[in-house]
Amino acid sequence: MTFAALTSALVVRKGGAVDWRHFTLPSILYLNTVILLTSSVTLEISRRRVAAFMGGPQSLATNPARWLYATLSLGLLFLVGQYLAWQQLSAQGLYLSTNPSSSFFYVFTALHAVHLLGGLYAMVRVIRKLNAHVLRRVTLDATAHYWHFMDVLWIYLLVLLWMKL
């Protein structure tokens, strides 16, 4: 709902703005999109291997934890990419308070990053439970649904920012 409200605010604010300054999105955002989508693939590989791991002999070949670590690493890499995008904008003289368009960019991407941090926390929790052999399938599924929602939300935000900024 927060992102829906902010989208509405962006549309209304841009509609009546004489101070709106269009700018090109940092190109690293497109690489970030690939990174985030790849993290969902690694998470799905892990989800498919959890049942076999929990029910059968544990071996490195079937251990889904390595795929969860890959997902976690890709999520962290995405956040580094977001930081680099902010660095690129600040190098162009675009800050949070420069103009309304840059303000919306920083707010949208920072809020998404905060939500992604929540997903990373959940991923660490899932890894710990898996390694302790107390992971319930529903915990992994809930974390995966949240993570995939972050992907969908990111694609929405990227398209919105590309069209409106």
N, C-alpha and C. Protein backbone atom coordinates (compact mmCIF):
# COMPACT_ATOMS: atom_id res chain seq x y z
N MET A 1 0.82 -1.19 0.00
CA MET A 1 0.00 0.00 0.00
C MET A 1 0.87 1.26 0.00
N THR A 2 2.01 1.18 0.64
CA THR A 2 2.92 2.33 0.66
C THR A 2 3.34 2.70 -0.75
N PHE A 3 3.70 1.69 -1.53
CA PHE A 3 4.14 1.97 -2.89
C PHE A 3 3.00 2.45 -3.77
N ALA A 4 1.80 1.98 -3.54
CA ALA A 4 0.63 2.47 -4.28
C ALA A 4 0.37 3.93 -3.95
N ALA A 5 0.46 4.27 -2.68
CA ALA A 5 0.26 5.67 -2.27
C ALA A 5 1.34 6.57 -2.85
N LEU A 6 2.57 6.10 -2.83
CA LEU A 6 3.67 6.90 -3.40
C LEU A 6 3.54 7.03 -4.92
N THR A 7 3.05 5.99 -5.57
CA THR A 7 2.82 6.08 -7.01
C THR A 7 1.78 7.15 -7.31
N SER A 8 0.73 7.15 -6.54
CA SER A 8 -0.31 8.17 -6.70
C SER A 8 0.27 9.56 -6.47
N ALA A 9 1.07 9.70 -5.43
CA ALA A 9 1.70 10.99 -5.14
C ALA A 9 2.62 11.43 -6.29
N LEU A 10 3.36 10.49 -6.85
CA LEU A 10 4.24 10.81 -7.97
C LEU A 10 3.44 11.33 -9.16
N VAL A 11 2.37 10.64 -9.51
CA VAL A 11 1.56 11.02 -10.67
C VAL A 11 0.95 12.40 -10.45
N VAL A 12 0.41 12.64 -9.26
CA VAL A 12 -0.21 13.93 -8.97
C VAL A 12 0.85 15.04 -8.96
N ARG A 13 1.96 14.80 -8.29
CA ARG A 13 3.02 15.82 -8.18
C ARG A 13 3.61 16.15 -9.54
N LYS A 14 3.83 15.14 -10.36
CA LYS A 14 4.40 15.39 -11.68
C LYS A 14 3.41 16.14 -12.57
N GLY A 15 2.13 15.85 -12.41
CA GLY A 15 1.12 16.49 -13.25
C GLY A 15 1.08 18.00 -13.14
N GLY A 16 1.35 18.52 -11.97
CA GLY A 16 1.28 19.97 -11.80
C GLY A 16 2.62 20.62 -11.55
N ALA A 17 3.68 19.96 -11.93
CA ALA A 17 5.02 20.46 -11.58
C ALA A 17 5.64 21.29 -12.69
N VAL A 18 6.12 22.47 -12.31
CA VAL A 18 6.94 23.25 -13.23
C VAL A 18 8.41 23.05 -12.90
N ASP A 19 8.68 22.44 -11.75
CA ASP A 19 10.06 22.21 -11.31
C ASP A 19 10.51 20.76 -11.52
N TRP A 20 9.75 20.00 -12.29
CA TRP A 20 10.10 18.59 -12.52
C TRP A 20 11.28 18.52 -13.47
N ARG A 21 12.30 17.80 -13.10
CA ARG A 21 13.50 17.66 -13.92
C ARG A 21 13.67 16.20 -14.32
N HIS A 22 13.53 15.93 -15.60
CA HIS A 22 13.72 14.56 -16.08
C HIS A 22 15.20 14.21 -16.06
N PHE A 23 15.49 12.97 -15.78
CA PHE A 23 16.87 12.50 -15.83
C PHE A 23 16.88 11.04 -16.26
N THR A 24 18.01 10.61 -16.74
CA THR A 24 18.17 9.23 -17.18
C THR A 24 18.49 8.36 -15.97
N LEU A 25 17.81 7.25 -15.88
CA LEU A 25 18.07 6.33 -14.78
C LEU A 25 19.48 5.77 -14.90
N PRO A 26 20.16 5.56 -13.77
CA PRO A 26 21.49 4.94 -13.82
C PRO A 26 21.41 3.56 -14.46
N SER A 27 22.33 3.28 -15.35
CA SER A 27 22.30 2.02 -16.10
C SER A 27 22.48 0.79 -15.21
N ILE A 28 23.07 0.97 -14.05
CA ILE A 28 23.27 -0.17 -13.16
C ILE A 28 21.94 -0.76 -12.68
N LEU A 29 20.88 0.01 -12.77
CA LEU A 29 19.56 -0.49 -12.35
C LEU A 29 19.11 -1.68 -13.21
N TYR A 30 19.52 -1.69 -14.46
CA TYR A 30 19.15 -2.79 -15.35
C TYR A 30 19.93 -4.06 -14.99
N LEU A 31 21.20 -3.89 -14.65
CA LEU A 31 22.00 -5.02 -14.16
C LEU A 31 21.42 -5.51 -12.83
N ASN A 32 21.02 -4.59 -11.99
CA ASN A 32 20.40 -4.95 -10.71
C ASN A 32 19.15 -5.80 -10.92
N THR A 33 18.40 -5.49 -11.94
CA THR A 33 17.19 -6.25 -12.24
C THR A 33 17.55 -7.69 -12.57
N VAL A 34 18.58 -7.88 -13.38
CA VAL A 34 19.03 -9.23 -13.72
C VAL A 34 19.51 -9.96 -12.46
N ILE A 35 20.22 -9.26 -11.61
CA ILE A 35 20.72 -9.86 -10.37
C ILE A 35 19.55 -10.32 -9.49
N LEU A 36 18.56 -9.46 -9.34
CA LEU A 36 17.42 -9.81 -8.50
C LEU A 36 16.61 -10.97 -9.08
N LEU A 37 16.41 -10.97 -10.38
CA LEU A 37 15.69 -12.08 -11.02
C LEU A 37 16.48 -13.39 -10.90
N THR A 38 17.79 -13.31 -11.02
CA THR A 38 18.64 -14.49 -10.86
C THR A 38 18.53 -15.02 -9.42
N SER A 39 18.42 -14.12 -8.46
CA SER A 39 18.29 -14.56 -7.07
C SER A 39 16.99 -15.35 -6.86
N SER A 40 15.96 -15.01 -7.60
CA SER A 40 14.72 -15.79 -7.51
C SER A 40 14.89 -17.17 -8.11
N VAL A 41 15.69 -17.27 -9.14
CA VAL A 41 15.97 -18.59 -9.73
C VAL A 41 16.72 -19.46 -8.73
N THR A 42 17.74 -18.91 -8.08
CA THR A 42 18.50 -19.70 -7.11
C THR A 42 17.62 -20.09 -5.92
N LEU A 43 16.71 -19.21 -5.56
CA LEU A 43 15.79 -19.54 -4.46
C LEU A 43 14.85 -20.67 -4.86
N GLU A 44 14.37 -20.65 -6.08
CA GLU A 44 13.47 -21.72 -6.53
C GLU A 44 14.21 -23.05 -6.64
N ILE A 45 15.45 -23.02 -7.06
CA ILE A 45 16.24 -24.27 -7.08
C ILE A 45 16.33 -24.83 -5.67
N SER A 46 16.59 -23.95 -4.72
CA SER A 46 16.68 -24.38 -3.33
C SER A 46 15.36 -24.95 -2.83
N ARG A 47 14.26 -24.29 -3.13
CA ARG A 47 12.95 -24.78 -2.68
C ARG A 47 12.68 -26.19 -3.20
N ARG A 48 13.09 -26.45 -4.41
CA ARG A 48 12.84 -27.76 -5.00
C ARG A 48 13.70 -28.85 -4.37
N ARG A 49 14.81 -28.44 -3.79
CA ARG A 49 15.72 -29.43 -3.20
C ARG A 49 15.49 -29.63 -1.70
N VAL A 50 14.72 -28.77 -1.08
CA VAL A 50 14.51 -28.88 0.36
C VAL A 50 13.85 -30.21 0.73
N ALA A 51 12.82 -30.60 0.03
CA ALA A 51 12.10 -31.83 0.38
C ALA A 51 13.03 -33.05 0.32
N ALA A 52 13.84 -33.12 -0.71
CA ALA A 52 14.76 -34.25 -0.84
C ALA A 52 15.81 -34.21 0.27
N PHE A 53 16.27 -33.03 0.60
CA PHE A 53 17.29 -32.88 1.63
C PHE A 53 16.76 -33.27 3.01
N MET A 54 15.55 -32.80 3.31
CA MET A 54 14.98 -33.05 4.63
C MET A 54 14.55 -34.52 4.79
N GLY A 55 14.21 -35.16 3.68
CA GLY A 55 13.70 -36.52 3.79
C GLY A 55 14.71 -37.61 3.48
N GLY A 56 15.84 -37.23 2.92
CA GLY A 56 16.78 -38.27 2.50
C GLY A 56 18.16 -38.08 3.10
N PRO A 57 19.10 -38.84 2.59
CA PRO A 57 20.47 -38.71 3.11
C PRO A 57 21.04 -37.34 2.74
N GLN A 58 21.66 -36.72 3.72
CA GLN A 58 22.21 -35.40 3.47
C GLN A 58 23.58 -35.50 2.80
N SER A 59 23.66 -34.84 1.67
CA SER A 59 24.93 -34.79 0.96
C SER A 59 25.08 -33.39 0.39
N LEU A 60 26.27 -33.04 0.06
CA LEU A 60 26.50 -31.71 -0.53
C LEU A 60 25.79 -31.56 -1.86
N ALA A 61 25.59 -32.66 -2.55
CA ALA A 61 24.95 -32.60 -3.87
C ALA A 61 23.49 -32.17 -3.75
N THR A 62 22.83 -32.51 -2.66
CA THR A 62 21.42 -32.17 -2.53
C THR A 62 21.17 -31.04 -1.54
N ASN A 63 22.19 -30.58 -0.85
CA ASN A 63 22.01 -29.55 0.17
C ASN A 63 21.55 -28.24 -0.46
N PRO A 64 20.33 -27.80 -0.15
CA PRO A 64 19.82 -26.56 -0.74
C PRO A 64 20.41 -25.31 -0.10
N ALA A 65 21.16 -25.45 0.99
CA ALA A 65 21.72 -24.27 1.66
C ALA A 65 22.64 -23.48 0.74
N ARG A 66 23.37 -24.17 -0.11
CA ARG A 66 24.28 -23.43 -1.00
C ARG A 66 23.50 -22.53 -1.96
N TRP A 67 22.31 -22.98 -2.37
CA TRP A 67 21.48 -22.14 -3.23
C TRP A 67 20.88 -20.97 -2.45
N LEU A 68 20.59 -21.21 -1.18
CA LEU A 68 20.10 -20.12 -0.34
C LEU A 68 21.21 -19.09 -0.10
N TYR A 69 22.44 -19.57 0.07
CA TYR A 69 23.57 -18.65 0.20
C TYR A 69 23.76 -17.84 -1.09
N ALA A 70 23.55 -18.48 -2.22
CA ALA A 70 23.65 -17.77 -3.49
C ALA A 70 22.58 -16.69 -3.57
N THR A 71 21.36 -17.02 -3.14
CA THR A 71 20.27 -16.04 -3.13
C THR A 71 20.62 -14.88 -2.22
N LEU A 72 21.12 -15.20 -1.05
CA LEU A 72 21.52 -14.17 -0.09
C LEU A 72 22.62 -13.27 -0.67
N SER A 73 23.59 -13.87 -1.30
CA SER A 73 24.69 -13.10 -1.90
C SER A 73 24.19 -12.19 -3.02
N LEU A 74 23.30 -12.71 -3.84
CA LEU A 74 22.75 -11.90 -4.93
C LEU A 74 21.90 -10.75 -4.38
N GLY A 75 21.18 -10.99 -3.30
CA GLY A 75 20.41 -9.92 -2.66
C GLY A 75 21.33 -8.83 -2.14
N LEU A 76 22.43 -9.22 -1.53
CA LEU A 76 23.41 -8.23 -1.06
C LEU A 76 24.04 -7.49 -2.23
N LEU A 77 24.32 -8.19 -3.31
CA LEU A 77 24.88 -7.57 -4.50
C LEU A 77 23.90 -6.55 -5.09
N PHE A 78 22.61 -6.88 -5.05
CA PHE A 78 21.58 -5.93 -5.50
C PHE A 78 21.66 -4.64 -4.68
N LEU A 79 21.79 -4.78 -3.36
CA LEU A 79 21.87 -3.59 -2.51
C LEU A 79 23.12 -2.77 -2.81
N VAL A 80 24.22 -3.43 -3.09
CA VAL A 80 25.44 -2.71 -3.49
C VAL A 80 25.17 -1.95 -4.79
N GLY A 81 24.48 -2.59 -5.71
CA GLY A 81 24.12 -1.93 -6.96
C GLY A 81 23.24 -0.71 -6.74
N GLN A 82 22.32 -0.80 -5.78
CA GLN A 82 21.48 0.36 -5.46
C GLN A 82 22.33 1.51 -4.94
N TYR A 83 23.27 1.19 -4.08
CA TYR A 83 24.17 2.20 -3.55
C TYR A 83 24.97 2.85 -4.69
N LEU A 84 25.43 2.04 -5.62
CA LEU A 84 26.17 2.59 -6.76
C LEU A 84 25.28 3.48 -7.63
N ALA A 85 24.00 3.12 -7.77
CA ALA A 85 23.06 3.96 -8.51
C ALA A 85 22.91 5.31 -7.82
N TRP A 86 22.80 5.30 -6.50
CA TRP A 86 22.70 6.56 -5.76
C TRP A 86 23.98 7.38 -5.91
N GLN A 87 25.11 6.70 -5.93
CA GLN A 87 26.39 7.38 -6.14
C GLN A 87 26.44 8.05 -7.52
N GLN A 88 25.95 7.33 -8.54
CA GLN A 88 25.93 7.89 -9.89
C GLN A 88 25.06 9.13 -9.95
N LEU A 89 23.92 9.08 -9.31
CA LEU A 89 23.04 10.25 -9.31
C LEU A 89 23.65 11.41 -8.56
N SER A 90 24.27 11.14 -7.43
CA SER A 90 24.88 12.24 -6.67
C SER A 90 26.05 12.84 -7.44
N ALA A 91 26.74 12.03 -8.24
CA ALA A 91 27.82 12.57 -9.07
C ALA A 91 27.29 13.52 -10.14
N GLN A 92 26.00 13.35 -10.51
CA GLN A 92 25.36 14.25 -11.47
C GLN A 92 24.70 15.45 -10.78
N GLY A 93 24.86 15.53 -9.47
CA GLY A 93 24.26 16.62 -8.72
C GLY A 93 22.79 16.39 -8.38
N LEU A 94 22.34 15.15 -8.44
CA LEU A 94 20.95 14.82 -8.11
C LEU A 94 20.91 14.14 -6.75
N TYR A 95 20.30 14.84 -5.80
CA TYR A 95 20.19 14.35 -4.43
C TYR A 95 18.72 14.23 -4.06
N LEU A 96 18.47 13.79 -2.85
CA LEU A 96 17.10 13.63 -2.38
C LEU A 96 16.32 14.94 -2.47
N SER A 97 16.95 16.04 -2.15
CA SER A 97 16.25 17.32 -2.12
C SER A 97 16.49 18.20 -3.35
N THR A 98 17.10 17.67 -4.39
CA THR A 98 17.41 18.48 -5.57
C THR A 98 16.14 18.93 -6.28
N ASN A 99 15.26 18.00 -6.56
CA ASN A 99 13.98 18.31 -7.21
C ASN A 99 13.01 17.16 -6.95
N PRO A 100 11.75 17.35 -7.28
CA PRO A 100 10.77 16.29 -6.98
C PRO A 100 11.08 14.95 -7.65
N SER A 101 11.56 14.96 -8.87
CA SER A 101 11.80 13.68 -9.55
C SER A 101 12.92 12.89 -8.87
N SER A 102 13.99 13.56 -8.49
CA SER A 102 15.06 12.83 -7.80
C SER A 102 14.61 12.40 -6.40
N SER A 103 13.77 13.20 -5.77
CA SER A 103 13.23 12.82 -4.45
C SER A 103 12.44 11.52 -4.56
N PHE A 104 11.58 11.43 -5.56
CA PHE A 104 10.80 10.20 -5.72
C PHE A 104 11.71 9.02 -6.01
N PHE A 105 12.74 9.21 -6.81
CA PHE A 105 13.66 8.12 -7.11
C PHE A 105 14.29 7.59 -5.83
N TYR A 106 14.84 8.49 -5.02
CA TYR A 106 15.50 8.06 -3.79
C TYR A 106 14.52 7.40 -2.82
N VAL A 107 13.33 7.95 -2.69
CA VAL A 107 12.35 7.38 -1.76
C VAL A 107 11.91 5.99 -2.21
N PHE A 108 11.56 5.84 -3.48
CA PHE A 108 11.14 4.53 -3.98
C PHE A 108 12.24 3.49 -3.83
N THR A 109 13.44 3.83 -4.26
CA THR A 109 14.52 2.83 -4.23
C THR A 109 14.98 2.53 -2.81
N ALA A 110 14.97 3.54 -1.93
CA ALA A 110 15.36 3.29 -0.54
C ALA A 110 14.32 2.43 0.17
N LEU A 111 13.04 2.69 -0.07
CA LEU A 111 12.00 1.87 0.55
C LEU A 111 12.08 0.42 0.05
N HIS A 112 12.35 0.25 -1.22
CA HIS A 112 12.50 -1.11 -1.74
C HIS A 112 13.71 -1.79 -1.09
N ALA A 113 14.80 -1.04 -0.94
CA ALA A 113 16.00 -1.61 -0.30
C ALA A 113 15.71 -2.03 1.14
N VAL A 114 14.95 -1.23 1.86
CA VAL A 114 14.60 -1.59 3.25
C VAL A 114 13.76 -2.86 3.27
N HIS A 115 12.81 -2.96 2.35
CA HIS A 115 12.01 -4.18 2.28
C HIS A 115 12.87 -5.39 1.89
N LEU A 116 13.83 -5.16 1.01
CA LEU A 116 14.72 -6.25 0.62
C LEU A 116 15.59 -6.69 1.79
N LEU A 117 15.99 -5.75 2.64
CA LEU A 117 16.74 -6.12 3.85
C LEU A 117 15.91 -7.06 4.73
N GLY A 118 14.62 -6.81 4.80
CA GLY A 118 13.74 -7.73 5.53
C GLY A 118 13.76 -9.12 4.92
N GLY A 119 13.79 -9.19 3.60
CA GLY A 119 13.88 -10.47 2.91
C GLY A 119 15.22 -11.16 3.17
N LEU A 120 16.28 -10.38 3.24
CA LEU A 120 17.60 -10.96 3.53
C LEU A 120 17.64 -11.51 4.96
N TYR A 121 17.03 -10.78 5.88
CA TYR A 121 16.94 -11.29 7.25
C TYR A 121 16.20 -12.62 7.28
N ALA A 122 15.09 -12.68 6.57
CA ALA A 122 14.31 -13.93 6.51
C ALA A 122 15.13 -15.05 5.88
N MET A 123 15.93 -14.71 4.87
CA MET A 123 16.76 -15.72 4.22
C MET A 123 17.80 -16.27 5.19
N VAL A 124 18.41 -15.41 5.98
CA VAL A 124 19.39 -15.86 6.99
C VAL A 124 18.70 -16.78 8.00
N ARG A 125 17.50 -16.42 8.38
CA ARG A 125 16.72 -17.23 9.33
C ARG A 125 16.43 -18.62 8.74
N VAL A 126 16.05 -18.65 7.47
CA VAL A 126 15.77 -19.93 6.80
C VAL A 126 17.04 -20.78 6.74
N ILE A 127 18.16 -20.18 6.40
CA ILE A 127 19.44 -20.92 6.32
C ILE A 127 19.79 -21.51 7.68
N ARG A 128 19.64 -20.71 8.72
CA ARG A 128 19.95 -21.22 10.07
C ARG A 128 19.05 -22.40 10.44
N LYS A 129 17.77 -22.27 10.16
CA LYS A 129 16.83 -23.36 10.48
C LYS A 129 17.15 -24.60 9.65
N LEU A 130 17.50 -24.40 8.39
CA LEU A 130 17.84 -25.55 7.54
C LEU A 130 19.07 -26.26 8.08
N ASN A 131 20.09 -25.49 8.43
CA ASN A 131 21.32 -26.10 8.95
C ASN A 131 21.10 -26.79 10.29
N ALA A 132 20.12 -26.31 11.05
CA ALA A 132 19.80 -26.94 12.34
C ALA A 132 18.79 -28.07 12.18
N HIS A 133 18.36 -28.34 10.95
CA HIS A 133 17.39 -29.39 10.63
C HIS A 133 16.04 -29.16 11.32
N VAL A 134 15.65 -27.89 11.47
CA VAL A 134 14.34 -27.57 12.07
C VAL A 134 13.51 -26.69 11.13
N LEU A 135 13.93 -26.61 9.90
CA LEU A 135 13.21 -25.78 8.93
C LEU A 135 11.89 -26.45 8.57
N ARG A 136 10.84 -25.67 8.64
CA ARG A 136 9.54 -26.14 8.15
C ARG A 136 9.36 -25.61 6.75
N ARG A 137 8.77 -26.41 5.91
CA ARG A 137 8.57 -26.05 4.51
C ARG A 137 7.80 -24.73 4.37
N VAL A 138 6.83 -24.51 5.25
CA VAL A 138 6.01 -23.30 5.18
C VAL A 138 6.85 -22.05 5.43
N THR A 139 7.89 -22.15 6.24
CA THR A 139 8.77 -21.01 6.50
C THR A 139 9.53 -20.64 5.23
N LEU A 140 10.06 -21.64 4.56
CA LEU A 140 10.76 -21.39 3.31
C LEU A 140 9.80 -20.84 2.25
N ASP A 141 8.62 -21.41 2.17
CA ASP A 141 7.64 -20.95 1.18
C ASP A 141 7.24 -19.49 1.42
N ALA A 142 7.01 -19.13 2.66
CA ALA A 142 6.63 -17.74 2.98
C ALA A 142 7.77 -16.78 2.62
N THR A 143 8.99 -17.18 2.92
CA THR A 143 10.15 -16.35 2.58
C THR A 143 10.28 -16.21 1.07
N ALA A 144 10.08 -17.31 0.36
CA ALA A 144 10.18 -17.28 -1.10
C ALA A 144 9.09 -16.41 -1.71
N HIS A 145 7.88 -16.50 -1.21
CA HIS A 145 6.80 -15.65 -1.74
C HIS A 145 7.13 -14.18 -1.52
N TYR A 146 7.63 -13.85 -0.36
CA TYR A 146 8.03 -12.46 -0.08
C TYR A 146 9.13 -12.02 -1.04
N TRP A 147 10.12 -12.88 -1.22
CA TRP A 147 11.25 -12.55 -2.10
C TRP A 147 10.78 -12.32 -3.54
N HIS A 148 9.92 -13.20 -4.01
CA HIS A 148 9.41 -13.05 -5.38
C HIS A 148 8.56 -11.78 -5.51
N PHE A 149 7.84 -11.46 -4.46
CA PHE A 149 7.08 -10.20 -4.47
C PHE A 149 8.01 -9.01 -4.59
N MET A 150 9.17 -9.08 -3.94
CA MET A 150 10.15 -7.99 -4.05
C MET A 150 10.64 -7.86 -5.50
N ASP A 151 10.76 -8.98 -6.21
CA ASP A 151 11.13 -8.95 -7.63
C ASP A 151 10.06 -8.23 -8.45
N VAL A 152 8.82 -8.65 -8.25
CA VAL A 152 7.71 -8.05 -9.00
C VAL A 152 7.62 -6.56 -8.69
N LEU A 153 7.76 -6.23 -7.42
CA LEU A 153 7.71 -4.82 -7.02
C LEU A 153 8.85 -4.04 -7.67
N TRP A 154 10.03 -4.62 -7.72
CA TRP A 154 11.16 -3.94 -8.33
C TRP A 154 10.92 -3.67 -9.82
N ILE A 155 10.40 -4.66 -10.52
CA ILE A 155 10.12 -4.47 -11.95
C ILE A 155 9.08 -3.36 -12.13
N TYR A 156 8.05 -3.38 -11.30
CA TYR A 156 7.05 -2.30 -11.33
C TYR A 156 7.71 -0.94 -11.10
N LEU A 157 8.56 -0.85 -10.07
CA LEU A 157 9.22 0.42 -9.76
C LEU A 157 10.13 0.87 -10.90
N LEU A 158 10.87 -0.05 -11.46
CA LEU A 158 11.77 0.30 -12.56
C LEU A 158 11.00 0.84 -13.74
N VAL A 159 9.91 0.19 -14.11
CA VAL A 159 9.08 0.67 -15.22
C VAL A 159 8.47 2.02 -14.89
N LEU A 160 7.96 2.16 -13.67
CA LEU A 160 7.36 3.42 -13.25
C LEU A 160 8.38 4.55 -13.30
N LEU A 161 9.55 4.32 -12.74
CA LEU A 161 10.57 5.37 -12.72
C LEU A 161 11.05 5.67 -14.14
N TRP A 162 11.18 4.66 -14.96
CA TRP A 162 11.63 4.87 -16.34
C TRP A 162 10.61 5.71 -17.10
N MET A 163 9.32 5.45 -16.87
CA MET A 163 8.28 6.18 -17.60
C MET A 163 8.07 7.59 -17.05
N LYS A 164 8.18 7.78 -15.76
CA LYS A 164 7.80 9.05 -15.13
C LYS A 164 8.97 9.98 -14.84
N LEU A 165 10.15 9.45 -14.71
CA LEU A 165 11.28 10.32 -14.39
C LEU A 165 12.01 10.65 -15.68
